[in-house]
């Protein structure tokens, strides 16, 4: 019996080791495909996505297939783009009709007869889930989300154009603060009256908007609603990475090191840096455990590179990141 048990255990160990290696290889390929997309090497990006999908078959994230379709569309490979769009738009699949219908990456597909089929399928998926939504609350949160992102998009553009210490940026920050104060009133009312509702009631964007407004609030508000967010995560009403991002921000604001490396600051010259964190050697493992991508992938959104050893050296410098 012991021999059989050991043999079974060995099989499981081999299986899980193989699975872990395959998952790591998949993540590396997806990261490379995204890099190629950012470099406008769209055909190479599409080919790299295909290599990744060959590892996982049907067990592939919808967002990755959507991004592959974007790369192929930009490479003028309509057939390959539509292949992935038809996969993700199956019943109970992709639902973000607003995004796909406005995504300029897919413009080259609009005159293809298959495009209307894709939009119809996505719209049907959206209508299927929308029937369970609280439409009045969704409408409120849609308005909140648009205002939250609009002022921050302008802020980013002004920072890039004039510098992050410019008068233009300072003036825009005042507008951001005004919008945030108005949005907080609306979101607090929802949270206090209904609790932290899930995507089944608010949709993914509405659920995310609750988090964004609290994330953009002051420390007292964040700490006050942290238990409610913890409860929502434990009940499956919101993704765990929302909790991680809020925890990181609270830690930094309390002059403590963050946990998941999500908080990025800027020096007076506008140079971006990762705020101090605990045990940076294992940050990618912590991030993966809650559904976040690697530090390398995350920082690429800020045009930053992740150098673990350089980061650890910076933590030892008394003047760095102050």
Foldseek 3Di string as FASTA:
>chain_A
DVVVVVVVVVVVVVVVVVVVVLVVQLLVLLLVLVVCVVVVVLVVSLVSLVVSCVSPPLPDDLVSLQVSLLSCQSVVNNVSSVVSLVSQLPALGAACLVCVVPPPSNVSCVVPPCVVVSSVSNPVNNVVLCVQAPVVLLVLLVVLVVQLVVLVVVLVVCCVVPNCVDPVNVVSVVVNVVSLVVSVVSLVVCCVVPFQAACSHRNPSSSVSSLVSLLPDDLVSLVVCLVSVVVCVVVVRHAVVSSLSSQQVNQVVVVHAHAQQLDWDADRRGDIDGGGHPPLVCNQVVQVVRPHHGPQSNCVVVVDGDDPVVNVVQVVDPPHPD
